[in-house]
Amino acid sequence: MFLFYTPSLKVFCGLDILKRRRIQLFILLACLLALAESGCPDFCKCTSIAISCMNRDIDRIPNFDSINVDPITIDLSGNRINIIDKVDLHFSKSYMVKEVYLNDTNLIDIESEAFNKMENLQELYLGNNLLTSVPSDFIKDLYNMVLLDLSGNYFEGDMPVIQSESLEVLTMLNCQITSITVESLKHLSNLKLLSLEQNNIQHIDTNAFESISTKWLMLKLPFNTWKCNCQTIKALFFLSGHKYIDPSDQYECQINKTAIKIFKSNEFIEEFCDISYSNGQNQNVLGNDDLLPMDDNNAKPYDLQKIENTLQEEFENENKQGAEYNQNLPTSSEHNKIDYLSISFFVVVFIAIAFILKRLILVEYKNMNESDSTTQLL
């Protein structure tokens, strides 16, 4: 069937284009109306379950009173919000929110009732801010809270006291904390993971863990500035014996700039602190005094020369093991052979892929030519 160009066909095509434009305009208007009806703040993006205002350089929490979405997540990270007042996050649908992100916002202060209306809140991220303290009861009435991240803040001194009957995960990496006291964990009976790596912790009171009711508790305490006294060592052995910490992690203290690997220097531990891996689990911290490095019971000073000799032997053993390991490594010629074979393999694969792509392009080009010829005949 042949179509001939006529004025009526021109009119028909014009009407068809006009209809398409009207449909496109209608869709655009519908999208704009939907966005307006959602009540989403101008500098945020809203979906049916989330509000994202991240990295918008805002210095206050937006007004969410007019939103018509049902937010599960609110992300305010990467802004300049210094203070959270008690009404900033109180809006009609705040009870639906389960996750709040306020990390990297230069946060300085949080009022104790700031999150009270978010009764279903489960995860709260406040990391990498400028907090030096938090109200002890600011999540106390949030009975669904599971995770709280306070890493990268400035809690100098004792670990801050936080009250929560439901909290399971608490992370405070790199917060300049120096000690864990009885009060620190007194109100966290359901805690399952406490992460305190990269702090300045020197003292732990093992009585603090009596308030934890969960059967399994994991503590992450590597890379702290432990003091080389028997209080600290016995405390760490106590935690290891109860499987609260992993002794394969990095636990070191220093004497005269000499690093002591607490769970690997067996002779040092057994002789100077009168404990071993078998009986260390029943030892408690003897006090919070900054004692000189000596045995607590016999007041026997450390023999630094003997410690250095022991460490030297450990160092030589490690070097010997390293040499044996290096002997088992492939030689440079073997490495070169492996690299050559790997490169050759990839070159062959690349050539094969290029050949296949070339064939596909030629076939597609041929099909396009045949299609153009058919169109011209019509």
Protein backbone atom coordinates (compact mmCIF):
# COMPACT_ATOMS: atom_id res chain seq x y z
CA MET A 1 0.00 0.00 0.00
CA PHE A 2 1.41 3.41 -1.04
CA LEU A 3 0.83 6.64 0.86
CA PHE A 4 0.69 9.86 -1.10
CA TYR A 5 1.46 13.25 0.41
CA THR A 6 -1.69 15.36 0.62
CA PRO A 7 -2.72 18.50 2.54
CA SER A 8 -5.02 16.37 4.69
CA LEU A 9 -2.06 14.20 5.71
CA LYS A 10 -0.16 17.34 6.69
CA VAL A 11 -3.04 18.43 8.91
CA PHE A 12 -3.23 14.97 10.45
CA CYS A 13 0.50 14.91 11.27
CA GLY A 14 0.28 18.40 12.76
CA LEU A 15 -2.55 17.36 15.04
CA ASP A 16 -0.57 14.29 16.10
CA ILE A 17 2.45 16.41 17.10
CA LEU A 18 0.20 18.82 18.97
CA LYS A 19 -1.35 15.98 20.94
CA ARG A 20 2.04 14.60 21.88
CA ARG A 21 3.16 17.99 23.16
CA ARG A 22 0.01 18.36 25.20
CA ILE A 23 0.54 14.94 26.75
CA GLN A 24 4.15 15.82 27.65
CA LEU A 25 3.04 19.10 29.18
CA PHE A 26 0.34 17.31 31.16
CA ILE A 27 2.87 14.81 32.55
CA LEU A 28 5.24 17.64 33.53
CA LEU A 29 2.47 19.53 35.30
CA ALA A 30 1.37 16.36 37.09
CA CYS A 31 4.93 15.82 38.37
CA LEU A 32 5.17 19.43 39.57
CA LEU A 33 1.82 19.18 41.32
CA ALA A 34 2.85 15.92 43.00
CA LEU A 35 6.07 17.55 44.22
CA ALA A 36 4.16 20.57 45.53
CA GLU A 37 1.59 18.38 47.26
CA SER A 38 4.36 16.39 49.00
CA GLY A 39 5.34 19.52 50.95
CA CYS A 40 9.02 18.74 50.45
CA PRO A 41 11.36 21.61 51.44
CA ASP A 42 12.92 23.40 48.47
CA PHE A 43 16.46 22.21 49.16
CA CYS A 44 15.52 18.58 49.88
CA LYS A 45 14.49 15.58 47.83
CA CYS A 46 11.50 13.55 48.93
CA THR A 47 10.27 10.11 47.99
CA SER A 48 7.37 8.16 49.43
CA ILE A 49 9.58 6.83 52.26
CA ALA A 50 12.62 9.12 52.52
CA ILE A 51 13.67 12.77 52.88
CA SER A 52 17.19 13.65 51.78
CA CYS A 53 18.70 17.07 52.55
CA MET A 54 22.33 15.95 52.59
CA ASN A 55 25.20 18.25 51.57
CA ARG A 56 22.94 21.30 51.09
CA ASP A 57 25.01 23.67 53.25
CA ILE A 58 22.01 24.41 55.49
CA ASP A 59 22.48 25.64 59.07
CA ARG A 60 19.15 24.55 60.52
CA ILE A 61 16.80 21.59 60.33
CA PRO A 62 14.10 22.25 57.70
CA ASN A 63 10.43 22.51 58.56
CA PHE A 64 8.79 19.16 57.84
CA ASP A 65 5.31 20.09 59.09
CA SER A 66 3.82 20.24 55.58
CA ILE A 67 5.14 16.99 54.15
CA ASN A 68 2.57 14.49 52.91
CA VAL A 69 4.99 11.58 52.47
CA ASP A 70 5.55 8.85 55.05
CA PRO A 71 9.27 9.16 55.80
CA ILE A 72 11.17 6.19 57.18
CA THR A 73 14.56 7.85 56.65
CA ILE A 74 15.70 11.46 57.12
CA ASP A 75 19.21 12.29 55.92
CA LEU A 76 20.63 15.66 57.02
CA SER A 77 24.31 14.72 56.85
CA GLY A 78 27.01 16.99 55.48
CA ASN A 79 25.49 20.31 56.56
CA ARG A 80 26.22 23.04 59.16
CA ILE A 81 23.60 22.29 61.80
CA ASN A 82 25.19 23.24 65.14
CA ILE A 83 22.26 22.73 67.49
CA ILE A 84 19.20 20.47 67.59
CA ASP A 85 16.44 22.11 69.60
CA LYS A 86 13.75 20.04 71.25
CA VAL A 87 11.14 21.00 68.61
CA ASP A 88 13.28 20.82 65.45
CA LEU A 89 12.26 17.24 64.73
CA HIS A 90 8.75 17.42 66.15
CA PHE A 91 6.35 17.22 63.20
CA SER A 92 3.13 15.37 62.45
CA LYS A 93 4.79 12.32 60.89
CA SER A 94 7.91 12.13 63.02
CA TYR A 95 6.59 8.95 64.64
CA MET A 96 7.12 7.12 61.31
CA VAL A 97 10.86 7.82 61.12
CA LYS A 98 13.18 4.87 61.79
CA GLU A 99 16.56 6.24 60.68
CA VAL A 100 18.10 9.71 61.13
CA TYR A 101 21.47 10.75 59.70
CA LEU A 102 23.08 13.82 61.29
CA ASN A 103 26.72 12.89 60.79
CA ASP A 104 29.25 15.46 59.52
CA THR A 105 27.07 18.45 60.45
CA ASN A 106 29.35 20.36 62.88
CA LEU A 107 26.89 19.49 65.64
CA ILE A 108 27.76 21.04 69.01
CA ASP A 109 24.70 20.53 71.20
CA ILE A 110 21.61 18.30 71.40
CA GLU A 111 18.69 19.06 73.69
CA SER A 112 17.49 16.11 75.73
CA GLU A 113 13.98 16.04 74.19
CA ALA A 114 15.10 16.51 70.58
CA PHE A 115 14.13 13.00 69.43
CA ASN A 116 11.25 12.28 71.82
CA LYS A 117 8.55 12.42 69.12
CA MET A 118 10.35 9.82 67.00
CA GLU A 119 8.97 6.94 69.01
CA ASN A 120 9.81 4.36 66.32
CA LEU A 121 13.38 5.53 65.77
CA GLN A 122 15.79 2.60 65.46
CA GLU A 123 19.07 4.03 64.14
CA LEU A 124 20.67 7.40 64.89
CA TYR A 125 23.92 8.54 63.28
CA LEU A 126 25.72 11.45 64.98
CA GLY A 127 29.30 10.68 63.96
CA ASN A 128 32.07 13.12 63.00
CA ASN A 129 30.66 16.14 64.82
CA LEU A 130 31.87 18.51 67.55
CA LEU A 131 30.00 17.03 70.50
CA THR A 132 31.79 17.07 73.84
CA SER A 133 28.83 15.61 75.72
CA VAL A 134 25.31 14.31 75.16
CA PRO A 135 22.32 14.33 77.53
CA SER A 136 22.26 10.97 79.27
CA ASP A 137 18.51 10.62 78.66
CA PHE A 138 18.25 11.85 75.06
CA ILE A 139 17.26 8.37 73.78
CA LYS A 140 15.90 7.02 77.07
CA ASP A 141 12.25 7.03 75.95
CA LEU A 142 12.93 5.60 72.48
CA TYR A 143 12.13 1.97 73.15
CA ASN A 144 12.87 0.82 69.59
CA MET A 145 16.40 2.24 69.44
CA VAL A 146 18.91 -0.36 68.29
CA LEU A 147 21.95 1.53 66.96
CA LEU A 148 23.66 4.76 68.03
CA ASP A 149 26.79 6.04 66.29
CA LEU A 150 28.77 8.75 68.10
CA SER A 151 32.16 8.13 66.48
CA GLY A 152 34.51 11.00 65.75
CA ASN A 153 33.36 13.35 68.53
CA TYR A 154 35.26 14.80 71.50
CA PHE A 155 34.19 13.02 74.71
CA GLU A 156 37.40 13.61 76.64
CA GLY A 157 37.55 11.67 79.90
CA ASP A 158 35.10 8.96 80.95
CA MET A 159 32.87 7.26 78.42
CA PRO A 160 29.61 9.27 78.37
CA VAL A 161 26.63 7.89 80.26
CA ILE A 162 23.73 6.94 77.97
CA GLN A 163 20.41 5.52 79.12
CA SER A 164 18.58 3.03 76.91
CA GLU A 165 16.87 -0.28 77.64
CA SER A 166 16.77 -1.31 73.97
CA LEU A 167 20.11 -0.16 72.51
CA GLU A 168 22.12 -3.04 71.05
CA VAL A 169 24.96 -1.34 69.13
CA LEU A 170 26.95 1.66 70.40
CA THR A 171 29.94 2.92 68.41
CA MET A 172 32.31 5.60 69.68
CA LEU A 173 35.49 5.27 67.65
CA ASN A 174 38.10 8.01 67.94
CA CYS A 175 36.35 10.05 70.64
CA GLN A 176 39.32 10.69 72.99
CA ILE A 177 37.72 8.60 75.75
CA THR A 178 40.17 7.66 78.52
CA SER A 179 38.24 5.23 80.75
CA ILE A 180 35.20 2.97 81.10
CA THR A 181 33.54 3.25 84.51
CA VAL A 182 30.68 1.45 86.24
CA GLU A 183 28.39 4.37 85.44
CA SER A 184 29.27 4.23 81.73
CA LEU A 185 27.36 0.98 81.10
CA LYS A 186 24.97 1.03 84.03
CA HIS A 187 21.92 1.90 81.91
CA LEU A 188 22.68 -0.18 78.79
CA SER A 189 21.40 -3.57 79.87
CA ASN A 190 20.63 -4.82 76.34
CA LEU A 191 23.96 -3.87 74.74
CA LYS A 192 25.47 -6.43 72.35
CA LEU A 193 28.26 -4.49 70.62
CA LEU A 194 30.37 -1.68 72.08
CA SER A 195 32.98 -0.29 69.71
CA LEU A 196 35.64 1.95 71.29
CA GLU A 197 38.64 1.58 68.99
CA GLN A 198 41.19 4.36 68.54
CA ASN A 199 40.52 6.17 71.81
CA ASN A 200 42.85 7.00 74.71
CA ILE A 201 41.51 4.38 77.10
CA GLN A 202 43.91 3.54 79.92
CA HIS A 203 41.59 2.11 82.55
CA ILE A 204 38.63 -0.29 82.60
CA ASP A 205 36.56 -1.17 85.64
CA THR A 206 35.35 -4.71 84.96
CA ASN A 207 32.52 -4.23 87.45
CA ALA A 208 30.95 -2.05 84.75
CA PHE A 209 29.93 -5.18 82.83
CA GLU A 210 27.83 -6.60 85.64
CA SER A 211 24.85 -4.52 84.46
CA ILE A 212 24.88 -6.08 80.98
CA SER A 213 22.14 -8.71 80.87
CA THR A 214 22.75 -10.05 77.37
CA LYS A 215 24.46 -13.43 77.10
CA TRP A 216 26.78 -12.29 74.33
CA LEU A 217 28.59 -8.97 74.43
CA MET A 218 31.31 -7.99 71.99
CA LEU A 219 33.78 -5.23 72.84
CA LYS A 220 36.04 -3.65 70.25
CA LEU A 221 38.93 -1.98 72.12
CA PRO A 222 42.05 -2.18 69.92
CA PHE A 223 44.39 0.75 69.32
CA ASN A 224 44.03 2.45 72.69
CA THR A 225 46.79 3.91 74.88
CA TRP A 226 46.80 1.20 77.55
CA LYS A 227 48.91 1.66 80.66
CA CYS A 228 51.38 -1.12 81.45
CA ASN A 229 50.19 -1.92 84.95
CA CYS A 230 48.58 -5.03 86.31
CA GLN A 231 45.19 -3.42 86.75
CA THR A 232 44.93 -2.92 83.00
CA ILE A 233 46.39 -6.32 82.14
CA LYS A 234 44.12 -8.19 84.53
CA ALA A 235 41.12 -6.27 83.23
CA LEU A 236 41.90 -7.23 79.64
CA PHE A 237 42.43 -10.87 80.63
CA PHE A 238 39.10 -10.77 82.45
CA LEU A 239 37.38 -9.51 79.29
CA SER A 240 39.17 -12.06 77.14
CA GLY A 241 38.27 -14.89 79.51
CA HIS A 242 34.60 -13.96 79.23
CA LYS A 243 34.99 -13.72 75.44
CA TYR A 244 34.04 -10.04 75.47
CA ILE A 245 37.14 -9.14 73.44
CA ASP A 246 39.17 -10.90 70.77
CA PRO A 247 42.79 -11.38 71.97
CA SER A 248 43.99 -11.54 68.36
CA ASP A 249 43.20 -7.83 68.00
CA GLN A 250 45.86 -5.17 68.61
CA TYR A 251 46.30 -4.75 72.38
CA GLU A 252 49.58 -3.08 73.37
CA CYS A 253 50.95 -1.03 76.22
CA GLN A 254 54.32 0.72 76.48
CA ILE A 255 57.13 0.80 79.04
CA ASN A 256 59.86 3.36 78.31
CA LYS A 257 58.75 3.44 74.66
CA THR A 258 58.95 -0.34 74.47
CA ALA A 259 55.74 -1.87 73.12
CA ILE A 260 54.36 -4.85 75.02
CA LYS A 261 51.89 -7.09 73.20
CA ILE A 262 49.56 -7.89 76.06
CA PHE A 263 48.17 -11.19 74.78
CA LYS A 264 51.42 -12.42 73.22
CA SER A 265 54.10 -11.65 75.83
CA ASN A 266 53.27 -14.72 77.92
CA GLU A 267 56.34 -14.77 80.16
CA PHE A 268 56.04 -11.09 80.97
CA ILE A 269 52.36 -11.41 81.90
CA GLU A 270 52.72 -14.54 84.03
CA GLU A 271 55.78 -13.39 85.94
CA PHE A 272 54.95 -9.78 86.68
CA CYS A 273 51.19 -9.94 87.13
CA ASP A 274 50.83 -13.48 88.52
CA ILE A 275 48.13 -14.46 86.01
CA SER A 276 47.96 -16.70 82.97
CA TYR A 277 45.52 -17.38 80.18
CA SER A 278 43.91 -20.12 82.25
CA ASN A 279 43.13 -18.11 85.39
CA GLY A 280 42.98 -14.58 84.06
CA GLN A 281 39.25 -14.70 83.49
CA ASN A 282 38.44 -14.39 87.18
CA GLN A 283 40.58 -11.34 87.89
CA ASN A 284 39.06 -7.91 88.52
CA VAL A 285 40.52 -4.46 88.35
CA LEU A 286 42.09 -3.68 91.70
CA GLY A 287 41.54 0.06 91.59
CA ASN A 288 41.69 3.24 89.60
CA ASP A 289 45.08 4.39 90.87
CA ASP A 290 47.79 5.36 88.42
CA LEU A 291 50.32 2.95 89.93
CA LEU A 292 53.89 2.46 88.80
CA PRO A 293 54.38 -0.58 86.59
CA MET A 294 54.85 -3.29 89.22
CA ASP A 295 53.08 -6.35 90.50
CA ASP A 296 50.06 -5.41 92.62
CA ASN A 297 50.48 -8.13 95.23
CA ASN A 298 54.24 -8.44 95.68
CA ALA A 299 55.32 -4.92 94.66
CA LYS A 300 57.99 -6.47 92.46
CA PRO A 301 59.40 -3.93 89.98
CA TYR A 302 59.65 -4.84 86.34
CA ASP A 303 63.04 -5.98 85.09
CA LEU A 304 63.29 -3.78 82.00
CA GLN A 305 66.42 -5.57 80.79
CA LYS A 306 64.62 -8.89 80.90
CA ILE A 307 61.66 -7.40 79.08
CA GLU A 308 63.95 -6.07 76.36
CA ASN A 309 65.62 -9.48 76.02
CA THR A 310 62.24 -11.19 75.72
CA LEU A 311 61.10 -8.71 73.10
CA GLN A 312 64.37 -9.16 71.21
CA GLU A 313 63.80 -12.93 71.12
CA GLU A 314 60.26 -12.38 69.84
CA PHE A 315 61.60 -10.01 67.19
CA GLU A 316 64.21 -12.54 66.05
CA ASN A 317 61.59 -15.29 65.89
CA GLU A 318 59.35 -13.09 63.77
CA ASN A 319 62.28 -12.33 61.43
CA LYS A 320 63.05 -16.04 61.16
CA GLN A 321 59.44 -16.80 60.29
CA GLY A 322 59.49 -13.99 57.75
CA ALA A 323 62.64 -15.38 56.12
CA GLU A 324 61.07 -18.84 55.86
CA TYR A 325 57.99 -17.28 54.30
CA ASN A 326 60.09 -15.36 51.77
CA GLN A 327 61.85 -18.57 50.72
CA ASN A 328 58.49 -20.02 49.73
CA LEU A 329 57.60 -17.02 47.59
CA PRO A 330 58.06 -17.24 43.78
CA THR A 331 61.30 -15.82 42.38
CA SER A 332 61.36 -12.69 40.25
CA SER A 333 61.70 -14.78 37.07
CA GLU A 334 58.67 -16.81 38.09
CA HIS A 335 56.78 -13.60 38.78
CA ASN A 336 57.75 -12.27 35.35
CA LYS A 337 56.63 -15.50 33.75
CA ILE A 338 53.28 -15.31 35.52
CA ASP A 339 52.88 -11.65 34.58
CA TYR A 340 53.77 -12.40 30.94
CA LEU A 341 51.21 -15.19 30.75
CA SER A 342 48.57 -12.98 32.38
CA ILE A 343 49.23 -10.13 29.95
CA SER A 344 49.17 -12.51 26.97
CA PHE A 345 45.86 -13.94 28.11
CA PHE A 346 44.26 -10.50 28.45
CA VAL A 347 45.60 -9.43 25.03
CA VAL A 348 44.01 -12.48 23.38
CA VAL A 349 40.72 -11.84 25.17
CA PHE A 350 40.79 -8.17 24.14
CA ILE A 351 41.42 -9.05 20.47
CA ALA A 352 38.59 -11.60 20.52
CA ILE A 353 36.17 -9.05 22.01
CA ALA A 354 37.23 -6.43 19.46
CA PHE A 355 36.65 -8.91 16.61
CA ILE A 356 33.18 -9.80 17.90
CA LEU A 357 32.26 -6.12 18.28
CA LYS A 358 33.44 -5.43 14.74
CA ARG A 359 31.26 -8.24 13.38
CA LEU A 360 28.25 -6.97 15.32
CA ILE A 361 28.77 -3.43 14.00
CA LEU A 362 29.01 -4.69 10.40
CA VAL A 363 25.83 -6.75 10.77
CA GLU A 364 24.00 -3.78 12.30
CA TYR A 365 25.25 -1.50 9.51
CA LYS A 366 24.06 -3.99 6.89
CA ASN A 367 20.63 -4.19 8.52
CA MET A 368 20.36 -0.39 8.56
CA ASN A 369 21.20 -0.24 4.83
CA GLU A 370 18.59 -2.87 4.03
CA SER A 371 16.03 -0.95 6.12
CA ASP A 372 16.83 2.30 4.27
CA SER A 373 16.46 0.55 0.89
CA THR A 374 13.06 -0.82 1.89
CA THR A 375 11.94 2.65 3.01
CA GLN A 376 12.98 4.19 -0.30
CA LEU A 377 11.03 1.53 -2.25
CA LEU A 378 7.94 2.31 -0.20
